[in-house]
Amino acid sequence: MTQHVHRLMGCAPAPLAHYLKGLGVLRLVAQQKDEHARAFWRDDELFLSTTMSRAELVTFFLTEYEPTPMLTPWNGGSGFYPKDQKIGIDTISRSDVPRLRAYRDAIEVARTLIGDRKESPKGEEKAELLKACKARWSGVALEWANAATVVTQASEIAYPALLGSGGNDGRL
């Protein structure tokens, strides 16, 4: 099978956000399309080696790839509470696009767990909601929650430094 090498401009090793963007592209391609995809850095640019041509790579990202449900219903401003912006979550939940199924399923579970709460939980209640999400979510939604948060044995929440306080760093 022919191997194509694509230069991904904008995916530099610095700043950190550009580096992480490059790793995200590699993860999505390797998990969803070409398990043998590889990447390497040369002259501060990322190169992606894959069986996909440029046109196939573009088509994959425009019409095929399944986004990771990066939801944080345990946080305020997450789209699940009355004062939150809801346009993104509402649009996804109303969509019938097959590639958004995991997102829709995770939103539905979160809405069920939140019930009629008027604001995001705090303290122990927040930890309980997080644990409930982790118990009910599966697949990529659960992988996301496990990457964004850790529930300690004492039922306290800990956050990996790269993802803010439970996956909300992009809002700050």
C-alpha atoms as a PDB file:
ATOM      1  CA  MET A   1       0.000   0.000   0.000  1.00  0.00           C
ATOM      2  CA  THR A   2       1.292   3.465  -0.876  1.00  0.00           C
ATOM      3  CA  GLN A   3       2.452   5.629   2.002  1.00  0.00           C
ATOM      4  CA  HIS A   4       1.836   9.386   1.817  1.00  0.00           C
ATOM      5  CA  VAL A   5       3.719  11.928   3.909  1.00  0.00           C
ATOM      6  CA  HIS A   6       1.841  15.140   4.681  1.00  0.00           C
ATOM      7  CA  ARG A   7       3.427  18.293   6.096  1.00  0.00           C
ATOM      8  CA  LEU A   8       1.075  19.667   8.746  1.00  0.00           C
ATOM      9  CA  MET A   9       1.818  23.361   8.900  1.00  0.00           C
ATOM     10  CA  GLY A  10       0.531  24.899  12.111  1.00  0.00           C
ATOM     11  CA  CYS A  11       1.458  21.842  14.158  1.00  0.00           C
ATOM     12  CA  ALA A  12       4.784  23.036  15.541  1.00  0.00           C
ATOM     13  CA  PRO A  13       6.450  21.704  18.689  1.00  0.00           C
ATOM     14  CA  ALA A  14       5.866  25.095  20.341  1.00  0.00           C
ATOM     15  CA  PRO A  15       3.681  26.610  21.608  1.00  0.00           C
ATOM     16  CA  LEU A  16       2.252  23.662  23.502  1.00  0.00           C
ATOM     17  CA  ALA A  17      -1.202  24.056  21.937  1.00  0.00           C
ATOM     18  CA  HIS A  18       0.255  23.517  18.453  1.00  0.00           C
ATOM     19  CA  TYR A  19       2.142  20.447  19.656  1.00  0.00           C
ATOM     20  CA  LEU A  20      -1.008  18.987  21.206  1.00  0.00           C
ATOM     21  CA  LYS A  21      -2.981  19.743  18.037  1.00  0.00           C
ATOM     22  CA  GLY A  22      -0.480  17.653  16.079  1.00  0.00           C
ATOM     23  CA  LEU A  23      -0.771  14.769  18.537  1.00  0.00           C
ATOM     24  CA  GLY A  24      -4.565  15.019  18.264  1.00  0.00           C
ATOM     25  CA  VAL A  25      -4.430  14.713  14.481  1.00  0.00           C
ATOM     26  CA  LEU A  26      -2.189  11.652  14.769  1.00  0.00           C
ATOM     27  CA  ARG A  27      -4.476  10.081  17.407  1.00  0.00           C
ATOM     28  CA  LEU A  28      -7.619  10.560  15.325  1.00  0.00           C
ATOM     29  CA  VAL A  29      -6.075   9.240  12.130  1.00  0.00           C
ATOM     30  CA  ALA A  30      -4.482   6.241  13.878  1.00  0.00           C
ATOM     31  CA  GLN A  31      -7.579   5.331  15.897  1.00  0.00           C
ATOM     32  CA  GLN A  32     -10.213   5.888  13.240  1.00  0.00           C
ATOM     33  CA  LYS A  33      -8.680   5.394   9.819  1.00  0.00           C
ATOM     34  CA  ASP A  34      -5.098   4.092   9.581  1.00  0.00           C
ATOM     35  CA  GLU A  35      -3.719   2.194  12.575  1.00  0.00           C
ATOM     36  CA  HIS A  36      -0.252   2.242  11.017  1.00  0.00           C
ATOM     37  CA  ALA A  37      -0.117   6.047  10.713  1.00  0.00           C
ATOM     38  CA  ARG A  38       3.028   7.617  12.128  1.00  0.00           C
ATOM     39  CA  ALA A  39       4.275  11.156  12.634  1.00  0.00           C
ATOM     40  CA  PHE A  40       7.644  12.816  12.970  1.00  0.00           C
ATOM     41  CA  TRP A  41       9.077  16.291  13.497  1.00  0.00           C
ATOM     42  CA  ARG A  42      11.444  17.957  11.052  1.00  0.00           C
ATOM     43  CA  ASP A  43      12.509  21.603  11.181  1.00  0.00           C
ATOM     44  CA  ASP A  44       9.784  22.448  13.720  1.00  0.00           C
ATOM     45  CA  GLU A  45       7.005  21.009  11.562  1.00  0.00           C
ATOM     46  CA  LEU A  46       4.981  17.835  11.977  1.00  0.00           C
ATOM     47  CA  PHE A  47       4.816  15.293   9.169  1.00  0.00           C
ATOM     48  CA  LEU A  48       2.097  12.649   9.063  1.00  0.00           C
ATOM     49  CA  SER A  49       2.814   9.366   7.293  1.00  0.00           C
ATOM     50  CA  THR A  50      -0.352   7.510   6.315  1.00  0.00           C
ATOM     51  CA  THR A  51      -1.912   5.422   3.578  1.00  0.00           C
ATOM     52  CA  MET A  52      -4.363   8.277   2.945  1.00  0.00           C
ATOM     53  CA  SER A  53      -3.764  10.695   0.104  1.00  0.00           C
ATOM     54  CA  ARG A  54      -4.184  14.410   0.742  1.00  0.00           C
ATOM     55  CA  ALA A  55      -7.730  14.297  -0.660  1.00  0.00           C
ATOM     56  CA  GLU A  56      -8.600  11.275   1.515  1.00  0.00           C
ATOM     57  CA  LEU A  57      -7.171  12.988   4.599  1.00  0.00           C
ATOM     58  CA  VAL A  58      -9.228  16.121   3.939  1.00  0.00           C
ATOM     59  CA  THR A  59     -12.374  14.039   3.310  1.00  0.00           C
ATOM     60  CA  PHE A  60     -11.762  12.126   6.537  1.00  0.00           C
ATOM     61  CA  PHE A  61     -11.657  15.288   8.644  1.00  0.00           C
ATOM     62  CA  LEU A  62     -14.534  16.987   6.831  1.00  0.00           C
ATOM     63  CA  THR A  63     -17.024  14.127   6.671  1.00  0.00           C
ATOM     64  CA  GLU A  64     -15.905  10.941   8.431  1.00  0.00           C
ATOM     65  CA  TYR A  65     -14.029  11.442  11.682  1.00  0.00           C
ATOM     66  CA  GLU A  66     -15.955  10.988  14.904  1.00  0.00           C
ATOM     67  CA  PRO A  67     -15.209  13.767  17.400  1.00  0.00           C
ATOM     68  CA  THR A  68     -14.350  12.841  20.961  1.00  0.00           C
ATOM     69  CA  PRO A  69     -17.202  13.826  23.316  1.00  0.00           C
ATOM     70  CA  MET A  70     -15.282  16.328  25.437  1.00  0.00           C
ATOM     71  CA  LEU A  71     -18.038  17.093  27.929  1.00  0.00           C
ATOM     72  CA  THR A  72     -17.712  18.451  31.465  1.00  0.00           C
ATOM     73  CA  PRO A  73     -21.171  18.342  33.044  1.00  0.00           C
ATOM     74  CA  TRP A  74     -19.559  18.592  36.495  1.00  0.00           C
ATOM     75  CA  ASN A  75     -18.425  22.156  35.637  1.00  0.00           C
ATOM     76  CA  GLY A  76     -20.373  25.378  35.323  1.00  0.00           C
ATOM     77  CA  GLY A  77     -20.433  26.818  31.811  1.00  0.00           C
ATOM     78  CA  SER A  78     -20.491  23.300  30.358  1.00  0.00           C
ATOM     79  CA  GLY A  79     -23.771  23.784  28.501  1.00  0.00           C
ATOM     80  CA  PHE A  80     -25.849  21.713  30.903  1.00  0.00           C
ATOM     81  CA  TYR A  81     -27.178  24.383  33.277  1.00  0.00           C
ATOM     82  CA  PRO A  82     -29.785  27.140  32.817  1.00  0.00           C
ATOM     83  CA  LYS A  83     -27.296  30.046  32.647  1.00  0.00           C
ATOM     84  CA  ASP A  84     -24.875  28.234  30.286  1.00  0.00           C
ATOM     85  CA  GLN A  85     -24.518  28.720  26.547  1.00  0.00           C
ATOM     86  CA  LYS A  86     -26.215  25.668  25.042  1.00  0.00           C
ATOM     87  CA  ILE A  87     -25.890  26.177  21.298  1.00  0.00           C
ATOM     88  CA  GLY A  88     -23.106  23.610  20.834  1.00  0.00           C
ATOM     89  CA  ILE A  89     -24.578  20.842  22.954  1.00  0.00           C
ATOM     90  CA  ASP A  90     -28.114  21.453  21.699  1.00  0.00           C
ATOM     91  CA  THR A  91     -26.985  21.378  18.065  1.00  0.00           C
ATOM     92  CA  ILE A  92     -25.135  18.094  18.556  1.00  0.00           C
ATOM     93  CA  SER A  93     -27.968  16.478  20.515  1.00  0.00           C
ATOM     94  CA  ARG A  94     -30.510  17.370  17.785  1.00  0.00           C
ATOM     95  CA  SER A  95     -28.250  16.160  14.991  1.00  0.00           C
ATOM     96  CA  ASP A  96     -28.833  12.857  13.269  1.00  0.00           C
ATOM     97  CA  VAL A  97     -25.321  12.724  11.795  1.00  0.00           C
ATOM     98  CA  PRO A  98     -24.029   9.182  12.472  1.00  0.00           C
ATOM     99  CA  ARG A  99     -20.496  10.300  13.340  1.00  0.00           C
ATOM    100  CA  LEU A 100     -21.839  12.337  16.288  1.00  0.00           C
ATOM    101  CA  ARG A 101     -23.550   9.347  17.941  1.00  0.00           C
ATOM    102  CA  ALA A 102     -21.013   8.960  20.780  1.00  0.00           C
ATOM    103  CA  TYR A 103     -21.386  12.684  21.524  1.00  0.00           C
ATOM    104  CA  ARG A 104     -25.198  12.452  21.545  1.00  0.00           C
ATOM    105  CA  ASP A 105     -25.129   9.393  23.795  1.00  0.00           C
ATOM    106  CA  ALA A 106     -22.781  11.068  26.295  1.00  0.00           C
ATOM    107  CA  ILE A 107     -24.928  14.245  26.314  1.00  0.00           C
ATOM    108  CA  GLU A 108     -28.060  12.188  26.984  1.00  0.00           C
ATOM    109  CA  VAL A 109     -26.418  10.365  29.896  1.00  0.00           C
ATOM    110  CA  ALA A 110     -25.130  13.642  31.364  1.00  0.00           C
ATOM    111  CA  ARG A 111     -28.545  15.300  31.081  1.00  0.00           C
ATOM    112  CA  THR A 112     -30.145  12.330  32.838  1.00  0.00           C
ATOM    113  CA  LEU A 113     -27.611  12.475  35.656  1.00  0.00           C
ATOM    114  CA  ILE A 114     -27.937  16.245  36.051  1.00  0.00           C
ATOM    115  CA  GLY A 115     -31.722  16.096  36.172  1.00  0.00           C
ATOM    116  CA  ASP A 116     -33.254  19.410  37.188  1.00  0.00           C
ATOM    117  CA  ARG A 117     -30.183  20.948  38.836  1.00  0.00           C
ATOM    118  CA  LYS A 118     -30.082  24.706  38.398  1.00  0.00           C
ATOM    119  CA  GLU A 119     -26.306  25.064  38.745  1.00  0.00           C
ATOM    120  CA  SER A 120     -23.188  22.955  38.620  1.00  0.00           C
ATOM    121  CA  PRO A 121     -22.399  20.894  41.708  1.00  0.00           C
ATOM    122  CA  LYS A 122     -19.656  21.782  44.167  1.00  0.00           C
ATOM    123  CA  GLY A 123     -17.429  19.750  46.475  1.00  0.00           C
ATOM    124  CA  GLU A 124     -18.565  16.213  47.235  1.00  0.00           C
ATOM    125  CA  GLU A 125     -21.623  16.550  44.992  1.00  0.00           C
ATOM    126  CA  LYS A 126     -19.310  17.403  42.072  1.00  0.00           C
ATOM    127  CA  ALA A 127     -17.214  14.298  42.774  1.00  0.00           C
ATOM    128  CA  GLU A 128     -20.383  12.176  42.875  1.00  0.00           C
ATOM    129  CA  LEU A 129     -21.572  13.514  39.504  1.00  0.00           C
ATOM    130  CA  LEU A 130     -18.144  12.896  38.010  1.00  0.00           C
ATOM    131  CA  LYS A 131     -18.136   9.318  39.330  1.00  0.00           C
ATOM    132  CA  ALA A 132     -21.655   8.782  37.969  1.00  0.00           C
ATOM    133  CA  CYS A 133     -20.566  10.012  34.515  1.00  0.00           C
ATOM    134  CA  LYS A 134     -17.585   7.671  34.579  1.00  0.00           C
ATOM    135  CA  ALA A 135     -19.840   4.782  35.603  1.00  0.00           C
ATOM    136  CA  ARG A 136     -22.368   5.406  32.809  1.00  0.00           C
ATOM    137  CA  TRP A 137     -20.204   6.655  29.932  1.00  0.00           C
ATOM    138  CA  SER A 138     -18.337   4.202  27.754  1.00  0.00           C
ATOM    139  CA  GLY A 139     -15.859   4.250  24.905  1.00  0.00           C
ATOM    140  CA  VAL A 140     -14.337   7.574  23.947  1.00  0.00           C
ATOM    141  CA  ALA A 141     -16.517   9.567  26.364  1.00  0.00           C
ATOM    142  CA  LEU A 142     -15.130   7.552  29.271  1.00  0.00           C
ATOM    143  CA  GLU A 143     -11.589   7.847  27.897  1.00  0.00           C
ATOM    144  CA  TRP A 144     -12.035  11.642  27.837  1.00  0.00           C
ATOM    145  CA  ALA A 145     -13.345  11.763  31.420  1.00  0.00           C
ATOM    146  CA  ASN A 146     -10.452   9.599  32.591  1.00  0.00           C
ATOM    147  CA  ALA A 147      -7.942  11.885  30.866  1.00  0.00           C
ATOM    148  CA  ALA A 148      -9.505  15.081  32.237  1.00  0.00           C
ATOM    149  CA  THR A 149     -10.094  14.005  35.838  1.00  0.00           C
ATOM    150  CA  VAL A 150      -9.068  11.630  38.588  1.00  0.00           C
ATOM    151  CA  VAL A 151     -11.264  10.684  41.522  1.00  0.00           C
ATOM    152  CA  THR A 152      -9.046   9.784  44.487  1.00  0.00           C
ATOM    153  CA  GLN A 153      -9.800   7.097  47.060  1.00  0.00           C
ATOM    154  CA  ALA A 154     -10.991   9.887  49.366  1.00  0.00           C
ATOM    155  CA  SER A 155     -13.586  10.867  46.701  1.00  0.00           C
ATOM    156  CA  GLU A 156     -11.718  14.070  45.977  1.00  0.00           C
ATOM    157  CA  ILE A 157     -11.223  15.241  42.419  1.00  0.00           C
ATOM    158  CA  ALA A 158      -7.745  15.788  41.017  1.00  0.00           C
ATOM    159  CA  TYR A 159      -7.016  17.358  37.658  1.00  0.00           C
ATOM    160  CA  PRO A 160      -4.118  16.651  35.294  1.00  0.00           C
ATOM    161  CA  ALA A 161      -2.322  19.954  34.709  1.00  0.00           C
ATOM    162  CA  LEU A 162      -2.829  20.097  30.932  1.00  0.00           C
ATOM    163  CA  LEU A 163      -6.621  20.024  31.064  1.00  0.00           C
ATOM    164  CA  GLY A 164      -7.418  22.745  33.580  1.00  0.00           C
ATOM    165  CA  SER A 165      -9.906  21.954  36.303  1.00  0.00           C
ATOM    166  CA  GLY A 166     -11.611  18.974  34.761  1.00  0.00           C
ATOM    167  CA  GLY A 167     -11.436  19.726  31.062  1.00  0.00           C
ATOM    168  CA  ASN A 168     -12.471  23.372  31.030  1.00  0.00           C
ATOM    169  CA  ASP A 169      -9.113  24.998  30.301  1.00  0.00           C
ATOM    170  CA  GLY A 170     -10.257  26.177  26.878  1.00  0.00           C
ATOM    171  CA  ARG A 171     -12.905  28.401  28.483  1.00  0.00           C
ATOM    172  CA  LEU A 172     -10.500  30.328  30.712  1.00  0.00           C
END
